[in-house]
Amino acid sequence: MTDRADELSLSRCGACHARFLPNDGPCPRCGSKEVETFLSPPLGVVLAATEVTSPAEGWRPPHRLALVELPQSVRVLAIVEGEVPISGTVVSVRRDGDVYRAKPEPGAMRP
């Protein structure tokens, strides 16, 4: 069971029902301004992951990234804490300023 404070804030369009990461503008799918915020559990499933050995300046190598699908079918590119996870791994996701971070959750069930 996750703590409500750990949940992620996501957005949903009232017109086309698209779900997406929060932004300051209208719905990226249909342009509607009927956008509402909702909370989602912080667990997701890794769809793909990679390790960048020569990252941009300011990032310490190796830099690990994962494409994670959250329960609401929202996908987020997250910085991985720890080893590169394989596809299907369950991870916890948290927002850290403007970036998302993912950490493998040993023994966690798929959301």
Protein backbone atom coordinates (compact mmCIF):
# COMPACT_ATOMS: atom_id res chain seq x y z
CA MET A 1 0.00 0.00 0.00
CA THR A 2 1.43 3.37 -0.98
CA ASP A 3 1.28 6.52 1.09
CA ARG A 4 -0.86 9.22 -0.54
CA ALA A 5 2.11 11.59 -0.27
CA ASP A 6 4.06 9.24 -2.58
CA GLU A 7 1.44 9.38 -5.34
CA LEU A 8 2.23 11.16 -8.59
CA SER A 9 0.26 14.12 -9.87
CA LEU A 10 -0.98 13.57 -13.44
CA SER A 11 -3.40 15.41 -15.75
CA ARG A 12 -6.56 14.29 -17.54
CA CYS A 13 -8.45 16.09 -20.30
CA GLY A 14 -12.16 16.55 -19.64
CA ALA A 15 -12.92 16.68 -23.38
CA CYS A 16 -11.01 13.74 -24.92
CA HIS A 17 -10.07 11.92 -21.68
CA ALA A 18 -6.35 11.80 -22.57
CA ARG A 19 -4.01 11.31 -19.59
CA PHE A 20 -0.59 12.94 -19.51
CA LEU A 21 2.14 14.46 -17.37
CA PRO A 22 1.18 17.83 -15.87
CA ASN A 23 1.90 20.91 -17.96
CA ASP A 24 0.86 24.57 -17.94
CA GLY A 25 -0.94 24.44 -21.26
CA PRO A 26 -3.95 22.81 -22.84
CA CYS A 27 -4.41 19.11 -23.61
CA PRO A 28 -1.61 17.98 -25.94
CA ARG A 29 -4.04 15.73 -27.85
CA CYS A 30 -7.06 17.95 -28.54
CA GLY A 31 -6.12 21.43 -27.29
CA SER A 32 -8.95 21.63 -24.75
CA LYS A 33 -8.42 23.74 -21.65
CA GLU A 34 -10.63 21.35 -19.60
CA VAL A 35 -7.63 19.80 -17.84
CA GLU A 36 -7.87 18.41 -14.32
CA THR A 37 -5.24 16.98 -11.99
CA PHE A 38 -5.49 13.52 -10.41
CA LEU A 39 -3.22 11.30 -8.33
CA SER A 40 -1.74 8.01 -9.49
CA PRO A 41 0.10 5.28 -7.56
CA PRO A 42 3.88 5.71 -7.95
CA LEU A 43 4.52 2.18 -9.25
CA GLY A 44 5.12 1.52 -12.93
CA VAL A 45 6.53 -1.09 -15.29
CA VAL A 46 9.75 -0.63 -17.27
CA LEU A 47 9.12 -0.81 -21.02
CA ALA A 48 12.73 -0.14 -22.05
CA ALA A 49 15.97 0.98 -20.39
CA THR A 50 19.43 2.08 -21.42
CA GLU A 51 22.74 3.21 -19.99
CA VAL A 52 24.43 6.32 -21.40
CA THR A 53 28.19 6.11 -20.89
CA SER A 54 28.91 9.64 -22.19
CA PRO A 55 26.06 11.79 -20.82
CA ALA A 56 25.67 15.54 -21.28
CA GLU A 57 27.84 17.86 -19.24
CA GLY A 58 26.74 17.98 -15.63
CA TRP A 59 25.59 14.36 -15.47
CA ARG A 60 27.81 11.72 -13.92
CA PRO A 61 28.36 8.58 -16.02
CA PRO A 62 26.97 6.06 -16.24
CA HIS A 63 23.58 7.69 -16.69
CA ARG A 64 20.72 5.17 -16.67
CA LEU A 65 17.32 5.91 -18.18
CA ALA A 66 14.08 3.94 -18.31
CA LEU A 67 10.79 4.40 -20.13
CA VAL A 68 8.17 3.57 -17.48
CA GLU A 69 4.45 3.03 -17.96
CA LEU A 70 2.36 4.12 -14.99
CA PRO A 71 -1.01 2.48 -14.14
CA GLN A 72 -2.97 5.22 -15.94
CA SER A 73 -1.15 4.40 -19.24
CA VAL A 74 1.00 7.51 -18.87
CA ARG A 75 4.61 6.97 -19.89
CA VAL A 76 7.51 8.80 -18.29
CA LEU A 77 11.24 8.84 -19.03
CA ALA A 78 12.98 8.48 -15.67
CA ILE A 79 16.52 8.48 -14.34
CA VAL A 80 17.19 5.06 -12.83
CA GLU A 81 18.69 4.76 -9.36
CA GLY A 82 20.75 1.57 -9.31
CA GLU A 83 21.37 -0.98 -12.04
CA VAL A 84 19.67 -0.84 -15.44
CA PRO A 85 16.35 -2.69 -15.04
CA ILE A 86 15.10 -5.20 -17.59
CA SER A 87 11.76 -4.79 -19.35
CA GLY A 88 8.89 -5.78 -17.09
CA THR A 89 10.62 -4.72 -13.87
CA VAL A 90 8.34 -2.92 -11.40
CA VAL A 91 9.77 0.41 -10.25
CA SER A 92 8.66 3.19 -7.93
CA VAL A 93 8.66 6.60 -9.60
CA ARG A 94 9.02 9.97 -7.91
CA ARG A 95 9.23 13.50 -9.21
CA ASP A 96 12.42 15.36 -8.28
CA GLY A 97 11.99 18.93 -9.47
CA ASP A 98 11.77 18.79 -13.26
CA VAL A 99 12.93 15.17 -13.59
CA TYR A 100 11.45 11.81 -12.68
CA ARG A 101 13.47 9.13 -10.89
CA ALA A 102 12.80 5.38 -10.86
CA LYS A 103 13.97 2.81 -8.37
CA PRO A 104 13.46 -0.95 -8.77
CA GLU A 105 11.03 -2.42 -6.20
CA PRO A 106 12.15 -5.99 -5.43
CA GLY A 107 9.20 -8.31 -5.02
CA ALA A 108 6.62 -5.71 -6.07
CA MET A 109 3.64 -6.87 -8.11
CA ARG A 110 2.76 -5.19 -11.39
CA PRO A 111 0.32 -2.30 -10.82
